[in-house]
Amino acid sequence: MLLSLILGAVAAVADIFGGLVLVRANWEKRYLRYFVALGAGFMLAVAFLEMLPESMKFSVKWAPVLVLAGYCAIHLLEHTIVPHFHFGEETHHDEFVSAHTSYSVLGGLAIHALFDGVAIASGFVLSNLLGWLIFLAIFLHKVPEGFTVASVMMASGGSRNAAVIAASVLATATLLGVLVIGILPSWVEAGLPLSAGVAIYVAATDLVPEVNREPGIRMALVFFAGVLLFLLLRLLLPAA
């Protein structure tokens, strides 16, 4: 549990850092695109090649149902309850003029961040290797996540302080997710497949479209580099 908390805290700090990237004008925001592409490839590989097989060991019948439930829950939050959501800097200021909308986006991302923490802790309940792989997959998209929520808050007229606070809310939700599984490890049987569904959604539906928006093949190559990075780590690291 201690290791899960430490790594959950690292992931949480990445959320806050993403918010600071937007708030501080001197940061190079274009580098976030590489985090998005690399994180998308790595996360998709972890979800399909590690989280899904481990989830199926619990129940061949119910694990796929929970994976689908996790996927659908995030889709409902991001595109039904919270319309016009996407990762990256929010430039459509006319779509985010109300505080209600910005707080809805924050709520949707907070639940997403909660499952990030659940995924990290669930991985370590099963094995150190799985825990580390899930942590790396989540860490790679945490900076763009914090950047996103800060951007939406500012696009709705919020202050720079409000943007950083919003990113801090995501950090807190991540730690809360770690604590839930740390205190109730038996919940891993539901937490891991639900988190797998969330991870698949975030990688394939949120992150990959951002990669595809970039002209040329550079971002696509970085995406495949994320997949290859996972495969390389899986070959080099001993099973645990």
C-alpha atoms as a PDB file:
ATOM      1  CA  MET A   1       0.000   0.000   0.000  1.00  0.00           C
ATOM      2  CA  LEU A   2       2.878   2.376   0.762  1.00  0.00           C
ATOM      3  CA  LEU A   3       4.295   2.004  -2.746  1.00  0.00           C
ATOM      4  CA  SER A   4       0.832   2.559  -4.248  1.00  0.00           C
ATOM      5  CA  LEU A   5       0.452   5.747  -2.212  1.00  0.00           C
ATOM      6  CA  ILE A   6       3.889   7.030  -3.198  1.00  0.00           C
ATOM      7  CA  LEU A   7       3.298   6.432  -6.904  1.00  0.00           C
ATOM      8  CA  GLY A   8      -0.257   7.723  -6.628  1.00  0.00           C
ATOM      9  CA  ALA A   9       1.208  10.905  -5.157  1.00  0.00           C
ATOM     10  CA  VAL A  10       3.659  11.157  -8.072  1.00  0.00           C
ATOM     11  CA  ALA A  11       0.773  10.829 -10.536  1.00  0.00           C
ATOM     12  CA  ALA A  12      -1.194  13.406  -8.559  1.00  0.00           C
ATOM     13  CA  VAL A  13       1.701  15.881  -8.700  1.00  0.00           C
ATOM     14  CA  ALA A  14       1.740  15.401 -12.497  1.00  0.00           C
ATOM     15  CA  ASP A  15      -1.887  16.618 -12.567  1.00  0.00           C
ATOM     16  CA  ILE A  16      -0.894  19.795 -10.720  1.00  0.00           C
ATOM     17  CA  PHE A  17       2.129  20.245 -12.964  1.00  0.00           C
ATOM     18  CA  GLY A  18      -0.146  20.083 -16.013  1.00  0.00           C
ATOM     19  CA  GLY A  19      -2.235  22.886 -14.564  1.00  0.00           C
ATOM     20  CA  LEU A  20       0.867  24.969 -13.922  1.00  0.00           C
ATOM     21  CA  VAL A  21       1.996  24.440 -17.524  1.00  0.00           C
ATOM     22  CA  LEU A  22      -1.070  26.360 -18.673  1.00  0.00           C
ATOM     23  CA  VAL A  23      -0.959  29.015 -15.951  1.00  0.00           C
ATOM     24  CA  ARG A  24       2.708  29.872 -16.460  1.00  0.00           C
ATOM     25  CA  ALA A  25       3.051  31.498 -19.862  1.00  0.00           C
ATOM     26  CA  ASN A  26       6.722  30.610 -20.209  1.00  0.00           C
ATOM     27  CA  TRP A  27       6.097  26.837 -20.456  1.00  0.00           C
ATOM     28  CA  GLU A  28       6.368  25.165 -23.875  1.00  0.00           C
ATOM     29  CA  LYS A  29       2.850  23.769 -24.258  1.00  0.00           C
ATOM     30  CA  ARG A  30       3.631  22.037 -27.553  1.00  0.00           C
ATOM     31  CA  TYR A  31       5.612  19.362 -25.715  1.00  0.00           C
ATOM     32  CA  LEU A  32       2.355  18.127 -24.182  1.00  0.00           C
ATOM     33  CA  ARG A  33       1.480  16.668 -27.578  1.00  0.00           C
ATOM     34  CA  TYR A  34       4.283  14.173 -27.176  1.00  0.00           C
ATOM     35  CA  PHE A  35       2.991  13.161 -23.741  1.00  0.00           C
ATOM     36  CA  VAL A  36      -0.448  12.624 -25.274  1.00  0.00           C
ATOM     37  CA  ALA A  37       0.851  10.432 -28.112  1.00  0.00           C
ATOM     38  CA  LEU A  38       3.275   8.409 -25.989  1.00  0.00           C
ATOM     39  CA  GLY A  39       0.731   7.970 -23.212  1.00  0.00           C
ATOM     40  CA  ALA A  40      -1.984   6.856 -25.624  1.00  0.00           C
ATOM     41  CA  GLY A  41       0.145   4.070 -27.074  1.00  0.00           C
ATOM     42  CA  PHE A  42       1.476   2.897 -23.711  1.00  0.00           C
ATOM     43  CA  MET A  43      -1.919   2.980 -21.988  1.00  0.00           C
ATOM     44  CA  LEU A  44      -3.688   1.125 -24.772  1.00  0.00           C
ATOM     45  CA  ALA A  45      -1.055  -1.608 -24.670  1.00  0.00           C
ATOM     46  CA  VAL A  46      -1.268  -1.938 -20.881  1.00  0.00           C
ATOM     47  CA  ALA A  47      -5.066  -2.076 -20.957  1.00  0.00           C
ATOM     48  CA  PHE A  48      -5.302  -4.772 -23.634  1.00  0.00           C
ATOM     49  CA  LEU A  49      -2.261  -6.881 -22.811  1.00  0.00           C
ATOM     50  CA  GLU A  50      -2.163  -6.661 -19.001  1.00  0.00           C
ATOM     51  CA  MET A  51      -5.324  -5.293 -17.397  1.00  0.00           C
ATOM     52  CA  LEU A  52      -7.807  -7.252 -19.524  1.00  0.00           C
ATOM     53  CA  PRO A  53      -6.127 -10.667 -19.119  1.00  0.00           C
ATOM     54  CA  GLU A  54      -5.752 -10.131 -15.352  1.00  0.00           C
ATOM     55  CA  SER A  55      -9.413  -9.080 -15.098  1.00  0.00           C
ATOM     56  CA  MET A  56     -10.546 -12.209 -16.951  1.00  0.00           C
ATOM     57  CA  LYS A  57      -8.885 -14.348 -14.272  1.00  0.00           C
ATOM     58  CA  PHE A  58     -11.458 -13.102 -11.771  1.00  0.00           C
ATOM     59  CA  SER A  59     -14.527 -13.933 -13.864  1.00  0.00           C
ATOM     60  CA  VAL A  60     -14.804 -14.784 -17.531  1.00  0.00           C
ATOM     61  CA  LYS A  61     -18.487 -13.855 -17.383  1.00  0.00           C
ATOM     62  CA  TRP A  62     -18.477 -10.606 -15.395  1.00  0.00           C
ATOM     63  CA  ALA A  63     -15.091  -9.055 -16.175  1.00  0.00           C
ATOM     64  CA  PRO A  64     -16.076  -8.044 -19.747  1.00  0.00           C
ATOM     65  CA  VAL A  65     -19.313  -6.553 -18.382  1.00  0.00           C
ATOM     66  CA  LEU A  66     -17.364  -4.412 -15.905  1.00  0.00           C
ATOM     67  CA  VAL A  67     -14.876  -3.361 -18.597  1.00  0.00           C
ATOM     68  CA  LEU A  68     -17.779  -2.222 -20.775  1.00  0.00           C
ATOM     69  CA  ALA A  69     -19.369  -0.484 -17.780  1.00  0.00           C
ATOM     70  CA  GLY A  70     -16.164   1.476 -17.126  1.00  0.00           C
ATOM     71  CA  TYR A  71     -15.943   2.472 -20.774  1.00  0.00           C
ATOM     72  CA  CYS A  72     -19.592   3.553 -20.967  1.00  0.00           C
ATOM     73  CA  ALA A  73     -19.456   5.453 -17.666  1.00  0.00           C
ATOM     74  CA  ILE A  74     -16.684   7.745 -18.899  1.00  0.00           C
ATOM     75  CA  HIS A  75     -18.414   8.214 -22.246  1.00  0.00           C
ATOM     76  CA  LEU A  76     -21.578   9.236 -20.393  1.00  0.00           C
ATOM     77  CA  LEU A  77     -19.654  11.720 -18.268  1.00  0.00           C
ATOM     78  CA  GLU A  78     -17.597  13.286 -21.035  1.00  0.00           C
ATOM     79  CA  HIS A  79     -20.053  13.405 -23.916  1.00  0.00           C
ATOM     80  CA  THR A  80     -23.530  13.376 -22.394  1.00  0.00           C
ATOM     81  CA  ILE A  81     -23.324  15.053 -18.994  1.00  0.00           C
ATOM     82  CA  VAL A  82     -20.267  17.102 -20.039  1.00  0.00           C
ATOM     83  CA  PRO A  83     -20.632  17.955 -23.772  1.00  0.00           C
ATOM     84  CA  HIS A  84     -17.805  19.234 -26.012  1.00  0.00           C
ATOM     85  CA  PHE A  85     -15.113  17.616 -23.850  1.00  0.00           C
ATOM     86  CA  HIS A  86     -11.663  16.943 -25.269  1.00  0.00           C
ATOM     87  CA  PHE A  87      -8.085  16.710 -24.048  1.00  0.00           C
ATOM     88  CA  GLY A  88      -5.722  19.598 -24.696  1.00  0.00           C
ATOM     89  CA  GLU A  89      -6.018  23.350 -24.506  1.00  0.00           C
ATOM     90  CA  GLU A  90      -9.589  24.635 -24.753  1.00  0.00           C
ATOM     91  CA  THR A  91      -9.760  27.302 -27.448  1.00  0.00           C
ATOM     92  CA  HIS A  92     -13.542  27.382 -28.037  1.00  0.00           C
ATOM     93  CA  HIS A  93     -14.274  29.993 -25.416  1.00  0.00           C
ATOM     94  CA  ASP A  94     -17.868  30.383 -26.536  1.00  0.00           C
ATOM     95  CA  GLU A  95     -18.588  26.779 -25.531  1.00  0.00           C
ATOM     96  CA  PHE A  96     -17.342  27.244 -21.961  1.00  0.00           C
ATOM     97  CA  VAL A  97     -18.836  30.526 -20.861  1.00  0.00           C
ATOM     98  CA  SER A  98     -20.666  29.267 -17.770  1.00  0.00           C
ATOM     99  CA  ALA A  99     -19.187  28.234 -14.453  1.00  0.00           C
ATOM    100  CA  HIS A 100     -21.672  25.343 -14.392  1.00  0.00           C
ATOM    101  CA  THR A 101     -20.136  23.819 -17.513  1.00  0.00           C
ATOM    102  CA  SER A 102     -16.583  24.171 -16.257  1.00  0.00           C
ATOM    103  CA  TYR A 103     -17.463  22.507 -12.954  1.00  0.00           C
ATOM    104  CA  SER A 104     -19.208  19.712 -14.854  1.00  0.00           C
ATOM    105  CA  VAL A 105     -15.987  19.093 -16.778  1.00  0.00           C
ATOM    106  CA  LEU A 106     -14.089  19.107 -13.496  1.00  0.00           C
ATOM    107  CA  GLY A 107     -16.516  16.568 -12.033  1.00  0.00           C
ATOM    108  CA  GLY A 108     -16.178  14.251 -15.022  1.00  0.00           C
ATOM    109  CA  LEU A 109     -12.396  14.396 -14.958  1.00  0.00           C
ATOM    110  CA  ALA A 110     -12.359  13.903 -11.182  1.00  0.00           C
ATOM    111  CA  ILE A 111     -14.168  10.568 -11.558  1.00  0.00           C
ATOM    112  CA  HIS A 112     -11.730   9.654 -14.319  1.00  0.00           C
ATOM    113  CA  ALA A 113      -8.834  10.556 -11.973  1.00  0.00           C
ATOM    114  CA  LEU A 114     -10.413   8.493  -9.186  1.00  0.00           C
ATOM    115  CA  PHE A 115     -10.227   5.425 -11.419  1.00  0.00           C
ATOM    116  CA  ASP A 116      -6.619   6.268 -12.229  1.00  0.00           C
ATOM    117  CA  GLY A 117      -5.860   5.780  -8.558  1.00  0.00           C
ATOM    118  CA  VAL A 118      -7.990   2.642  -8.408  1.00  0.00           C
ATOM    119  CA  ALA A 119      -6.057   1.223 -11.359  1.00  0.00           C
ATOM    120  CA  ILE A 120      -2.647   1.894  -9.797  1.00  0.00           C
ATOM    121  CA  ALA A 121      -3.577   0.316  -6.467  1.00  0.00           C
ATOM    122  CA  SER A 122      -5.385  -2.606  -8.136  1.00  0.00           C
ATOM    123  CA  GLY A 123      -2.285  -3.387 -10.159  1.00  0.00           C
ATOM    124  CA  PHE A 124      -0.080  -3.565  -7.062  1.00  0.00           C
ATOM    125  CA  VAL A 125      -2.585  -5.818  -5.278  1.00  0.00           C
ATOM    126  CA  LEU A 126      -1.976  -8.402  -8.018  1.00  0.00           C
ATOM    127  CA  SER A 127       1.745  -7.913  -8.763  1.00  0.00           C
ATOM    128  CA  ASN A 128       4.496  -5.319  -8.604  1.00  0.00           C
ATOM    129  CA  LEU A 129       5.059  -5.562 -12.354  1.00  0.00           C
ATOM    130  CA  LEU A 130       1.431  -4.869 -13.212  1.00  0.00           C
ATOM    131  CA  GLY A 131       1.347  -2.006 -10.724  1.00  0.00           C
ATOM    132  CA  TRP A 132       4.406  -0.337 -12.243  1.00  0.00           C
ATOM    133  CA  LEU A 133       3.125  -0.746 -15.810  1.00  0.00           C
ATOM    134  CA  ILE A 134      -0.258   0.745 -14.942  1.00  0.00           C
ATOM    135  CA  PHE A 135       1.429   3.597 -13.077  1.00  0.00           C
ATOM    136  CA  LEU A 136       3.602   4.446 -16.089  1.00  0.00           C
ATOM    137  CA  ALA A 137       0.589   4.376 -18.402  1.00  0.00           C
ATOM    138  CA  ILE A 138      -1.351   6.727 -16.128  1.00  0.00           C
ATOM    139  CA  PHE A 139       1.591   9.017 -15.392  1.00  0.00           C
ATOM    140  CA  LEU A 140       2.129   9.701 -19.104  1.00  0.00           C
ATOM    141  CA  HIS A 141      -1.346  11.221 -19.497  1.00  0.00           C
ATOM    142  CA  LYS A 142      -1.547  13.006 -16.161  1.00  0.00           C
ATOM    143  CA  VAL A 143       0.172  16.193 -17.357  1.00  0.00           C
ATOM    144  CA  PRO A 144      -2.254  16.639 -20.302  1.00  0.00           C
ATOM    145  CA  GLU A 145      -5.146  15.878 -17.917  1.00  0.00           C
ATOM    146  CA  GLY A 146      -4.164  18.660 -15.532  1.00  0.00           C
ATOM    147  CA  PHE A 147      -3.547  20.941 -18.505  1.00  0.00           C
ATOM    148  CA  THR A 148      -7.039  20.179 -19.816  1.00  0.00           C
ATOM    149  CA  VAL A 149      -8.968  20.963 -16.653  1.00  0.00           C
ATOM    150  CA  ALA A 150      -6.988  24.160 -16.042  1.00  0.00           C
ATOM    151  CA  SER A 151      -7.644  25.241 -19.623  1.00  0.00           C
ATOM    152  CA  VAL A 152     -11.398  24.690 -19.316  1.00  0.00           C
ATOM    153  CA  MET A 153     -11.567  26.599 -16.036  1.00  0.00           C
ATOM    154  CA  MET A 154      -9.784  29.593 -17.567  1.00  0.00           C
ATOM    155  CA  ALA A 155     -11.860  29.420 -20.769  1.00  0.00           C
ATOM    156  CA  SER A 156     -14.979  29.801 -18.623  1.00  0.00           C
ATOM    157  CA  GLY A 157     -13.611  32.983 -17.047  1.00  0.00           C
ATOM    158  CA  GLY A 158     -11.958  31.429 -14.017  1.00  0.00           C
ATOM    159  CA  SER A 159      -8.784  32.825 -12.504  1.00  0.00           C
ATOM    160  CA  ARG A 160      -5.331  31.271 -12.681  1.00  0.00           C
ATOM    161  CA  ASN A 161      -5.710  30.240  -9.043  1.00  0.00           C
ATOM    162  CA  ALA A 162      -8.993  28.483  -9.860  1.00  0.00           C
ATOM    163  CA  ALA A 163      -7.234  26.611 -12.682  1.00  0.00           C
ATOM    164  CA  VAL A 164      -4.526  25.327 -10.338  1.00  0.00           C
ATOM    165  CA  ILE A 165      -7.133  24.400  -7.708  1.00  0.00           C
ATOM    166  CA  ALA A 166      -9.040  22.405 -10.334  1.00  0.00           C
ATOM    167  CA  ALA A 167      -5.883  20.466 -11.205  1.00  0.00           C
ATOM    168  CA  SER A 168      -5.364  19.871  -7.469  1.00  0.00           C
ATOM    169  CA  VAL A 169      -8.866  18.384  -7.235  1.00  0.00           C
ATOM    170  CA  LEU A 170      -7.842  15.783  -9.828  1.00  0.00           C
ATOM    171  CA  ALA A 171      -4.703  15.069  -7.812  1.00  0.00           C
ATOM    172  CA  THR A 172      -6.800  14.512  -4.682  1.00  0.00           C
ATOM    173  CA  ALA A 173      -9.203  12.210  -6.538  1.00  0.00           C
ATOM    174  CA  THR A 174      -6.264  10.115  -7.753  1.00  0.00           C
ATOM    175  CA  LEU A 175      -5.002   9.632  -4.197  1.00  0.00           C
ATOM    176  CA  LEU A 176      -8.524   8.804  -3.030  1.00  0.00           C
ATOM    177  CA  GLY A 177      -8.736   6.037  -5.632  1.00  0.00           C
ATOM    178  CA  VAL A 178      -5.482   4.558  -4.327  1.00  0.00           C
ATOM    179  CA  LEU A 179      -6.810   4.649  -0.760  1.00  0.00           C
ATOM    180  CA  VAL A 180     -10.069   2.906  -1.687  1.00  0.00           C
ATOM    181  CA  ILE A 181      -8.257  -0.189  -2.946  1.00  0.00           C
ATOM    182  CA  GLY A 182      -5.571   0.081  -0.265  1.00  0.00           C
ATOM    183  CA  ILE A 183      -8.209  -0.091   2.471  1.00  0.00           C
ATOM    184  CA  LEU A 184     -10.468  -2.579   0.663  1.00  0.00           C
ATOM    185  CA  PRO A 185      -8.156  -4.748  -1.482  1.00  0.00           C
ATOM    186  CA  SER A 186     -10.933  -7.265  -2.169  1.00  0.00           C
ATOM    187  CA  TRP A 187     -12.550  -4.602  -4.365  1.00  0.00           C
ATOM    188  CA  VAL A 188      -9.788  -5.196  -6.901  1.00  0.00           C
ATOM    189  CA  GLU A 189     -12.008  -7.792  -8.586  1.00  0.00           C
ATOM    190  CA  ALA A 190     -14.317  -4.983  -9.673  1.00  0.00           C
ATOM    191  CA  GLY A 191     -11.812  -2.129  -9.600  1.00  0.00           C
ATOM    192  CA  LEU A 192      -9.363  -3.590 -12.121  1.00  0.00           C
ATOM    193  CA  PRO A 193     -11.870  -4.382 -14.922  1.00  0.00           C
ATOM    194  CA  LEU A 194     -13.676  -1.065 -14.377  1.00  0.00           C
ATOM    195  CA  SER A 195     -10.328   0.713 -14.577  1.00  0.00           C
ATOM    196  CA  ALA A 196      -9.458  -1.249 -17.721  1.00  0.00           C
ATOM    197  CA  GLY A 197     -12.612   0.051 -19.389  1.00  0.00           C
ATOM    198  CA  VAL A 198     -11.758   3.597 -18.313  1.00  0.00           C
ATOM    199  CA  ALA A 199      -8.173   3.215 -19.582  1.00  0.00           C
ATOM    200  CA  ILE A 200      -9.345   1.926 -22.975  1.00  0.00           C
ATOM    201  CA  TYR A 201     -11.743   4.845 -23.296  1.00  0.00           C
ATOM    202  CA  VAL A 202      -9.185   7.462 -22.304  1.00  0.00           C
ATOM    203  CA  ALA A 203      -6.528   6.042 -24.638  1.00  0.00           C
ATOM    204  CA  ALA A 204      -8.672   5.242 -27.686  1.00  0.00           C
ATOM    205  CA  THR A 205     -11.367   7.925 -27.485  1.00  0.00           C
ATOM    206  CA  ASP A 206      -9.734  10.865 -25.705  1.00  0.00           C
ATOM    207  CA  LEU A 207      -6.027  10.672 -26.503  1.00  0.00           C
ATOM    208  CA  VAL A 208      -5.783   9.045 -29.951  1.00  0.00           C
ATOM    209  CA  PRO A 209      -8.041  11.669 -31.619  1.00  0.00           C
ATOM    210  CA  GLU A 210      -5.719  14.364 -30.262  1.00  0.00           C
ATOM    211  CA  VAL A 211      -2.802  12.500 -31.853  1.00  0.00           C
ATOM    212  CA  ASN A 212      -4.670  12.222 -35.157  1.00  0.00           C
ATOM    213  CA  ARG A 213      -5.294  15.983 -35.259  1.00  0.00           C
ATOM    214  CA  GLU A 214      -1.597  16.617 -35.812  1.00  0.00           C
ATOM    215  CA  PRO A 215      -0.446  16.772 -39.467  1.00  0.00           C
ATOM    216  CA  GLY A 216       2.313  14.466 -40.650  1.00  0.00           C
ATOM    217  CA  ILE A 217       3.460  11.174 -39.188  1.00  0.00           C
ATOM    218  CA  ARG A 218       5.534  12.381 -36.222  1.00  0.00           C
ATOM    219  CA  MET A 219       2.770  12.044 -33.628  1.00  0.00           C
ATOM    220  CA  ALA A 220       1.709   8.670 -35.024  1.00  0.00           C
ATOM    221  CA  LEU A 221       5.279   7.432 -34.648  1.00  0.00           C
ATOM    222  CA  VAL A 222       5.361   8.654 -31.045  1.00  0.00           C
ATOM    223  CA  PHE A 223       2.110   6.733 -30.431  1.00  0.00           C
ATOM    224  CA  PHE A 224       3.695   3.522 -31.733  1.00  0.00           C
ATOM    225  CA  ALA A 225       6.771   4.309 -29.649  1.00  0.00           C
ATOM    226  CA  GLY A 226       4.479   4.182 -26.610  1.00  0.00           C
ATOM    227  CA  VAL A 227       3.296   0.699 -27.605  1.00  0.00           C
ATOM    228  CA  LEU A 228       6.871  -0.438 -28.231  1.00  0.00           C
ATOM    229  CA  LEU A 229       7.983   1.016 -24.902  1.00  0.00           C
ATOM    230  CA  PHE A 230       5.435  -1.153 -23.129  1.00  0.00           C
ATOM    231  CA  LEU A 231       6.504  -4.268 -25.062  1.00  0.00           C
ATOM    232  CA  LEU A 232      10.151  -3.571 -24.313  1.00  0.00           C
ATOM    233  CA  LEU A 233       9.510  -3.124 -20.600  1.00  0.00           C
ATOM    234  CA  ARG A 234       7.386  -6.263 -20.524  1.00  0.00           C
ATOM    235  CA  LEU A 235      10.204  -8.279 -22.069  1.00  0.00           C
ATOM    236  CA  LEU A 236      12.940  -6.836 -19.862  1.00  0.00           C
ATOM    237  CA  LEU A 237      11.144  -6.809 -16.516  1.00  0.00           C
ATOM    238  CA  PRO A 238      10.755 -10.145 -14.715  1.00  0.00           C
ATOM    239  CA  ALA A 239       7.283 -11.319 -13.820  1.00  0.00           C
ATOM    240  CA  ALA A 240       6.365 -10.489 -10.235  1.00  0.00           C
END
